[in-house]
N, C-alpha and C. Protein backbone atom coordinates (compact mmCIF):
# COMPACT_ATOMS: atom_id res chain seq x y z
N MET A 1 -21.26 4.33 74.85
CA MET A 1 -20.00 4.05 74.21
C MET A 1 -20.15 4.27 72.70
N ARG A 2 -19.18 4.92 72.11
CA ARG A 2 -19.16 5.08 70.67
C ARG A 2 -17.75 4.88 70.17
N LYS A 3 -17.65 4.39 68.95
CA LYS A 3 -16.34 4.11 68.37
C LYS A 3 -16.25 4.72 66.99
N LEU A 4 -15.06 5.18 66.66
CA LEU A 4 -14.82 5.82 65.37
C LEU A 4 -14.85 4.80 64.24
N VAL A 5 -15.61 5.12 63.19
CA VAL A 5 -15.61 4.33 61.97
C VAL A 5 -14.56 4.89 61.01
N GLY A 6 -14.56 6.23 60.87
CA GLY A 6 -13.61 6.89 59.97
C GLY A 6 -13.99 8.34 59.76
N THR A 7 -13.23 8.99 58.91
CA THR A 7 -13.46 10.40 58.58
C THR A 7 -13.69 10.50 57.08
N TYR A 8 -14.77 11.19 56.69
CA TYR A 8 -15.18 11.25 55.30
C TYR A 8 -15.66 12.67 54.97
N ARG A 9 -15.64 13.00 53.67
CA ARG A 9 -16.08 14.33 53.22
C ARG A 9 -17.60 14.38 53.16
N ASN A 10 -18.16 15.44 53.68
CA ASN A 10 -19.58 15.76 53.51
C ASN A 10 -19.61 17.18 52.96
N GLY A 11 -19.59 17.30 51.65
CA GLY A 11 -19.48 18.61 51.04
C GLY A 11 -18.09 19.16 51.21
N GLY A 12 -18.01 20.36 51.76
CA GLY A 12 -16.73 21.05 51.86
C GLY A 12 -15.91 20.76 53.10
N ARG A 13 -16.30 19.78 53.90
CA ARG A 13 -15.51 19.53 55.11
C ARG A 13 -15.49 18.06 55.49
N ASN A 14 -14.49 17.72 56.26
CA ASN A 14 -14.37 16.36 56.78
C ASN A 14 -15.28 16.20 57.99
N VAL A 15 -15.87 15.01 58.10
CA VAL A 15 -16.78 14.70 59.20
C VAL A 15 -16.39 13.32 59.74
N ARG A 16 -16.32 13.21 61.05
CA ARG A 16 -16.04 11.93 61.68
C ARG A 16 -17.33 11.15 61.86
N LEU A 17 -17.30 9.87 61.51
CA LEU A 17 -18.44 8.99 61.70
C LEU A 17 -18.14 8.03 62.84
N TYR A 18 -19.07 7.96 63.79
CA TYR A 18 -18.98 7.05 64.93
C TYR A 18 -20.15 6.10 64.90
N TRP A 19 -19.93 4.86 65.38
CA TRP A 19 -21.04 3.95 65.62
C TRP A 19 -21.24 3.83 67.11
N ARG A 20 -22.47 3.53 67.48
CA ARG A 20 -22.81 3.34 68.88
C ARG A 20 -23.92 2.30 68.97
N ARG A 21 -24.13 1.79 70.17
CA ARG A 21 -25.24 0.87 70.40
C ARG A 21 -26.53 1.67 70.30
N GLY A 22 -27.61 1.01 69.99
CA GLY A 22 -28.89 1.67 69.94
C GLY A 22 -29.35 1.92 68.52
N GLU A 23 -30.36 2.76 68.41
CA GLU A 23 -30.96 3.08 67.13
C GLU A 23 -30.89 4.58 66.88
N GLY A 24 -31.17 4.99 65.65
CA GLY A 24 -31.21 6.40 65.29
C GLY A 24 -29.83 6.99 65.08
N GLY A 25 -29.80 8.30 64.98
CA GLY A 25 -28.53 8.97 64.75
C GLY A 25 -28.57 10.40 65.23
N SER A 26 -27.43 11.05 65.14
CA SER A 26 -27.31 12.45 65.54
C SER A 26 -26.07 13.04 64.88
N PHE A 27 -26.03 14.36 64.84
CA PHE A 27 -24.80 15.00 64.40
C PHE A 27 -24.48 16.17 65.30
N ILE A 28 -23.20 16.48 65.38
CA ILE A 28 -22.71 17.59 66.20
C ILE A 28 -21.84 18.47 65.31
N VAL A 29 -22.18 19.75 65.27
CA VAL A 29 -21.32 20.71 64.59
C VAL A 29 -20.27 21.12 65.60
N ALA A 30 -19.03 20.73 65.34
CA ALA A 30 -17.96 20.88 66.32
C ALA A 30 -17.51 22.33 66.47
N PRO A 31 -16.93 22.64 67.63
CA PRO A 31 -16.35 23.96 67.83
C PRO A 31 -15.19 24.20 66.87
N LYS A 32 -14.83 25.43 66.70
CA LYS A 32 -13.74 25.80 65.79
C LYS A 32 -12.49 24.98 66.10
N GLY A 33 -11.88 24.46 65.03
CA GLY A 33 -10.66 23.68 65.19
C GLY A 33 -10.88 22.19 65.37
N LYS A 34 -12.12 21.75 65.52
CA LYS A 34 -12.43 20.32 65.66
C LYS A 34 -13.34 19.89 64.52
N LEU A 35 -13.35 18.61 64.25
CA LEU A 35 -14.19 18.09 63.18
C LEU A 35 -15.62 17.84 63.66
N PRO A 36 -16.60 18.10 62.80
CA PRO A 36 -17.97 17.74 63.14
C PRO A 36 -18.11 16.22 63.18
N GLU A 37 -19.19 15.75 63.80
CA GLU A 37 -19.37 14.32 64.01
C GLU A 37 -20.78 13.89 63.66
N ILE A 38 -20.87 12.69 63.10
CA ILE A 38 -22.14 12.00 62.91
C ILE A 38 -22.02 10.69 63.68
N ALA A 39 -23.06 10.35 64.43
CA ALA A 39 -23.09 9.07 65.16
C ALA A 39 -24.36 8.33 64.75
N VAL A 40 -24.23 7.03 64.47
CA VAL A 40 -25.39 6.22 64.13
C VAL A 40 -25.40 4.96 64.98
N GLY A 41 -26.62 4.56 65.34
CA GLY A 41 -26.79 3.31 66.06
C GLY A 41 -26.69 2.14 65.11
N ILE A 42 -26.22 1.01 65.60
CA ILE A 42 -26.10 -0.16 64.73
C ILE A 42 -26.97 -1.32 65.21
N ASP A 43 -27.96 -1.02 66.04
CA ASP A 43 -28.83 -2.06 66.56
C ASP A 43 -30.15 -2.15 65.82
N GLY A 44 -30.20 -1.63 64.61
CA GLY A 44 -31.42 -1.76 63.82
C GLY A 44 -31.68 -3.21 63.48
N GLU A 45 -32.95 -3.56 63.39
CA GLU A 45 -33.30 -4.94 63.06
C GLU A 45 -32.80 -5.30 61.66
N PHE A 46 -32.77 -4.31 60.79
CA PHE A 46 -32.34 -4.52 59.41
C PHE A 46 -31.22 -3.54 59.07
N TRP A 47 -30.33 -3.95 58.17
CA TRP A 47 -29.24 -3.10 57.70
C TRP A 47 -29.81 -1.81 57.08
N GLU A 48 -30.94 -1.92 56.41
CA GLU A 48 -31.56 -0.74 55.80
C GLU A 48 -31.89 0.33 56.83
N ASP A 49 -32.20 -0.07 58.06
CA ASP A 49 -32.44 0.91 59.12
C ASP A 49 -31.19 1.75 59.37
N VAL A 50 -30.06 1.08 59.49
CA VAL A 50 -28.79 1.76 59.77
C VAL A 50 -28.43 2.69 58.61
N VAL A 51 -28.61 2.20 57.38
CA VAL A 51 -28.32 3.03 56.20
C VAL A 51 -29.23 4.25 56.19
N GLY A 52 -30.48 4.06 56.52
CA GLY A 52 -31.42 5.20 56.57
C GLY A 52 -31.01 6.24 57.60
N TRP A 53 -30.56 5.80 58.78
CA TRP A 53 -30.12 6.75 59.80
C TRP A 53 -28.88 7.51 59.35
N LEU A 54 -27.97 6.79 58.68
CA LEU A 54 -26.77 7.43 58.17
C LEU A 54 -27.12 8.48 57.11
N MET A 55 -28.00 8.11 56.18
CA MET A 55 -28.41 9.05 55.13
C MET A 55 -29.10 10.28 55.73
N HIS A 56 -29.97 10.03 56.70
CA HIS A 56 -30.69 11.13 57.35
C HIS A 56 -29.72 12.14 57.95
N GLU A 57 -28.76 11.66 58.73
CA GLU A 57 -27.83 12.57 59.40
C GLU A 57 -26.90 13.28 58.42
N ALA A 58 -26.43 12.57 57.40
CA ALA A 58 -25.55 13.19 56.41
C ALA A 58 -26.30 14.29 55.65
N ALA A 59 -27.55 14.02 55.28
CA ALA A 59 -28.34 15.03 54.56
C ALA A 59 -28.71 16.20 55.47
N GLU A 60 -29.04 15.91 56.71
CA GLU A 60 -29.39 17.00 57.63
C GLU A 60 -28.19 17.90 57.89
N MET A 61 -27.01 17.30 58.04
CA MET A 61 -25.81 18.12 58.24
C MET A 61 -25.55 18.99 57.01
N ALA A 62 -25.74 18.43 55.82
CA ALA A 62 -25.55 19.20 54.60
C ALA A 62 -26.55 20.36 54.53
N ALA A 63 -27.80 20.09 54.90
CA ALA A 63 -28.81 21.15 54.91
C ALA A 63 -28.45 22.24 55.92
N TYR A 64 -27.93 21.84 57.06
CA TYR A 64 -27.47 22.79 58.06
C TYR A 64 -26.35 23.66 57.49
N ASP A 65 -25.37 23.01 56.84
CA ASP A 65 -24.24 23.75 56.27
C ASP A 65 -24.68 24.75 55.21
N LEU A 66 -25.75 24.45 54.49
CA LEU A 66 -26.26 25.33 53.43
C LEU A 66 -27.29 26.33 53.96
N SER A 67 -27.46 26.38 55.28
CA SER A 67 -28.43 27.27 55.93
C SER A 67 -29.86 27.00 55.46
N CYS A 68 -30.17 25.72 55.27
CA CYS A 68 -31.52 25.33 54.87
C CYS A 68 -32.32 24.72 56.01
N ARG A 69 -31.70 24.54 57.17
CA ARG A 69 -32.38 24.01 58.35
C ARG A 69 -32.58 25.14 59.33
N TRP A 70 -33.82 25.30 59.76
CA TRP A 70 -34.18 26.38 60.67
C TRP A 70 -34.73 25.82 61.97
N THR A 71 -34.43 26.50 63.05
CA THR A 71 -34.91 26.13 64.37
C THR A 71 -35.88 27.20 64.85
N PRO A 72 -37.04 26.82 65.38
CA PRO A 72 -37.95 27.83 65.91
C PRO A 72 -37.27 28.62 67.03
N SER A 73 -37.61 29.87 67.13
CA SER A 73 -36.97 30.71 68.14
C SER A 73 -38.02 31.56 68.83
N PRO A 74 -38.08 31.57 70.12
CA PRO A 74 -37.24 30.81 71.02
C PRO A 74 -37.66 29.34 71.05
N ASP A 75 -36.71 28.46 71.31
CA ASP A 75 -36.96 27.02 71.37
C ASP A 75 -36.49 26.53 72.73
N PHE A 76 -37.35 26.61 73.71
CA PHE A 76 -36.98 26.25 75.07
C PHE A 76 -36.92 24.74 75.29
N SER A 77 -37.56 23.97 74.42
CA SER A 77 -37.57 22.51 74.60
C SER A 77 -36.41 21.82 73.91
N TYR A 78 -35.75 22.51 72.99
CA TYR A 78 -34.65 21.92 72.21
C TYR A 78 -35.07 20.62 71.54
N GLU A 79 -36.28 20.58 71.06
CA GLU A 79 -36.85 19.40 70.44
C GLU A 79 -36.54 19.40 68.94
N SER A 80 -35.88 18.35 68.47
CA SER A 80 -35.46 18.30 67.06
C SER A 80 -36.62 18.17 66.09
N SER A 81 -37.78 17.75 66.56
CA SER A 81 -38.91 17.62 65.64
C SER A 81 -39.44 18.99 65.18
N GLY A 82 -38.95 20.05 65.78
CA GLY A 82 -39.37 21.39 65.38
C GLY A 82 -38.58 21.97 64.22
N TYR A 83 -37.52 21.30 63.78
CA TYR A 83 -36.72 21.83 62.67
C TYR A 83 -37.57 21.98 61.42
N LEU A 84 -37.28 23.03 60.68
CA LEU A 84 -37.95 23.30 59.41
C LEU A 84 -36.87 23.37 58.34
N PHE A 85 -37.09 22.66 57.23
CA PHE A 85 -36.14 22.66 56.13
C PHE A 85 -36.75 23.43 54.97
N VAL A 86 -36.04 24.48 54.53
CA VAL A 86 -36.51 25.32 53.43
C VAL A 86 -35.39 25.40 52.40
N MET A 87 -35.70 24.94 51.17
CA MET A 87 -34.68 24.97 50.13
C MET A 87 -35.34 24.94 48.76
N ASN A 88 -34.63 25.49 47.79
CA ASN A 88 -35.10 25.38 46.42
C ASN A 88 -34.56 24.07 45.81
N HIS A 89 -34.89 23.81 44.56
CA HIS A 89 -34.50 22.55 43.93
C HIS A 89 -32.98 22.43 43.81
N ASN A 90 -32.30 23.51 43.51
CA ASN A 90 -30.84 23.47 43.40
C ASN A 90 -30.21 23.15 44.76
N GLN A 91 -30.70 23.76 45.82
CA GLN A 91 -30.18 23.46 47.15
C GLN A 91 -30.47 22.02 47.54
N PHE A 92 -31.65 21.52 47.18
CA PHE A 92 -32.01 20.13 47.45
C PHE A 92 -31.01 19.19 46.76
N SER A 93 -30.69 19.49 45.51
CA SER A 93 -29.70 18.69 44.77
C SER A 93 -28.34 18.75 45.44
N ASP A 94 -27.96 19.92 45.93
CA ASP A 94 -26.67 20.08 46.60
C ASP A 94 -26.63 19.29 47.91
N VAL A 95 -27.72 19.34 48.67
CA VAL A 95 -27.81 18.56 49.91
C VAL A 95 -27.59 17.08 49.62
N LEU A 96 -28.27 16.58 48.60
CA LEU A 96 -28.15 15.15 48.28
C LEU A 96 -26.78 14.80 47.73
N ALA A 97 -26.17 15.69 46.96
CA ALA A 97 -24.82 15.44 46.44
C ALA A 97 -23.81 15.37 47.58
N ARG A 98 -23.93 16.28 48.54
CA ARG A 98 -23.03 16.27 49.69
C ARG A 98 -23.22 15.01 50.52
N ALA A 99 -24.48 14.66 50.77
CA ALA A 99 -24.77 13.45 51.56
C ALA A 99 -24.28 12.21 50.82
N ALA A 100 -24.46 12.15 49.52
CA ALA A 100 -24.00 11.00 48.74
C ALA A 100 -22.48 10.87 48.80
N MET A 101 -21.78 12.00 48.79
CA MET A 101 -20.33 11.99 48.90
C MET A 101 -19.92 11.29 50.20
N PHE A 102 -20.60 11.63 51.29
CA PHE A 102 -20.30 11.07 52.61
C PHE A 102 -20.69 9.59 52.68
N VAL A 103 -21.94 9.31 52.33
CA VAL A 103 -22.47 7.96 52.49
C VAL A 103 -21.73 6.96 51.62
N SER A 104 -21.42 7.33 50.38
CA SER A 104 -20.77 6.38 49.47
C SER A 104 -19.40 5.95 49.97
N LYS A 105 -18.70 6.82 50.65
CA LYS A 105 -17.38 6.47 51.19
C LYS A 105 -17.47 5.78 52.55
N ALA A 106 -18.45 6.19 53.36
CA ALA A 106 -18.57 5.65 54.73
C ALA A 106 -19.24 4.28 54.78
N LEU A 107 -20.12 4.01 53.85
CA LEU A 107 -20.94 2.81 53.92
C LEU A 107 -20.15 1.49 53.97
N PRO A 108 -19.12 1.30 53.15
CA PRO A 108 -18.38 0.03 53.24
C PRO A 108 -17.75 -0.19 54.62
N ASP A 109 -17.21 0.85 55.22
CA ASP A 109 -16.60 0.71 56.55
C ASP A 109 -17.65 0.45 57.62
N LEU A 110 -18.78 1.15 57.53
CA LEU A 110 -19.86 0.95 58.50
C LEU A 110 -20.45 -0.45 58.35
N ALA A 111 -20.53 -0.96 57.13
CA ALA A 111 -21.06 -2.31 56.90
C ALA A 111 -20.19 -3.36 57.59
N LYS A 112 -18.89 -3.18 57.57
CA LYS A 112 -17.99 -4.11 58.25
C LYS A 112 -18.26 -4.13 59.75
N VAL A 113 -18.43 -2.94 60.32
CA VAL A 113 -18.72 -2.85 61.76
C VAL A 113 -20.05 -3.51 62.07
N TYR A 114 -21.06 -3.22 61.25
CA TYR A 114 -22.40 -3.78 61.46
C TYR A 114 -22.35 -5.31 61.43
N LYS A 115 -21.72 -5.87 60.41
CA LYS A 115 -21.64 -7.34 60.29
C LYS A 115 -20.92 -7.95 61.48
N LYS A 116 -19.84 -7.32 61.90
CA LYS A 116 -19.08 -7.82 63.05
C LYS A 116 -19.93 -7.80 64.32
N GLN A 117 -20.66 -6.72 64.53
CA GLN A 117 -21.50 -6.61 65.72
C GLN A 117 -22.67 -7.58 65.66
N GLN A 118 -23.22 -7.81 64.48
CA GLN A 118 -24.34 -8.75 64.35
C GLN A 118 -23.88 -10.18 64.67
N ARG A 119 -22.66 -10.53 64.25
CA ARG A 119 -22.12 -11.87 64.58
C ARG A 119 -21.95 -12.02 66.08
N ARG A 120 -21.53 -10.96 66.76
CA ARG A 120 -21.36 -11.02 68.22
C ARG A 120 -22.68 -11.23 68.93
N LEU A 121 -23.76 -10.69 68.37
CA LEU A 121 -25.07 -10.81 69.01
C LEU A 121 -25.74 -12.14 68.72
N ALA A 122 -25.29 -12.81 67.67
CA ALA A 122 -25.93 -14.08 67.26
C ALA A 122 -25.60 -15.22 68.20
């Protein structure tokens, strides 16, 4: 189960943020005409875990958009640990600026969801 937190800018496009049970995160580059998505788990022991997963996915999506993320080919296992990130300092700055744009707007809304879910578990 996943639920929409909101839609926020990550660089040049809008991205939908979803929360779900569990840990970690993922992103989906949507088909033409649909918005891309980032999903993060909210079951981290600490809020910093959730923030870290959000930052990771926002930055990885930005690196993907800038063609700085490479996948080995052929990749028959579809294992994400094989991704290679190649960028110069300017591209690195752009990745972080795009991710900061997303995270700074999404974080207050995600914090509300996290706090609400933590109270339910207590």
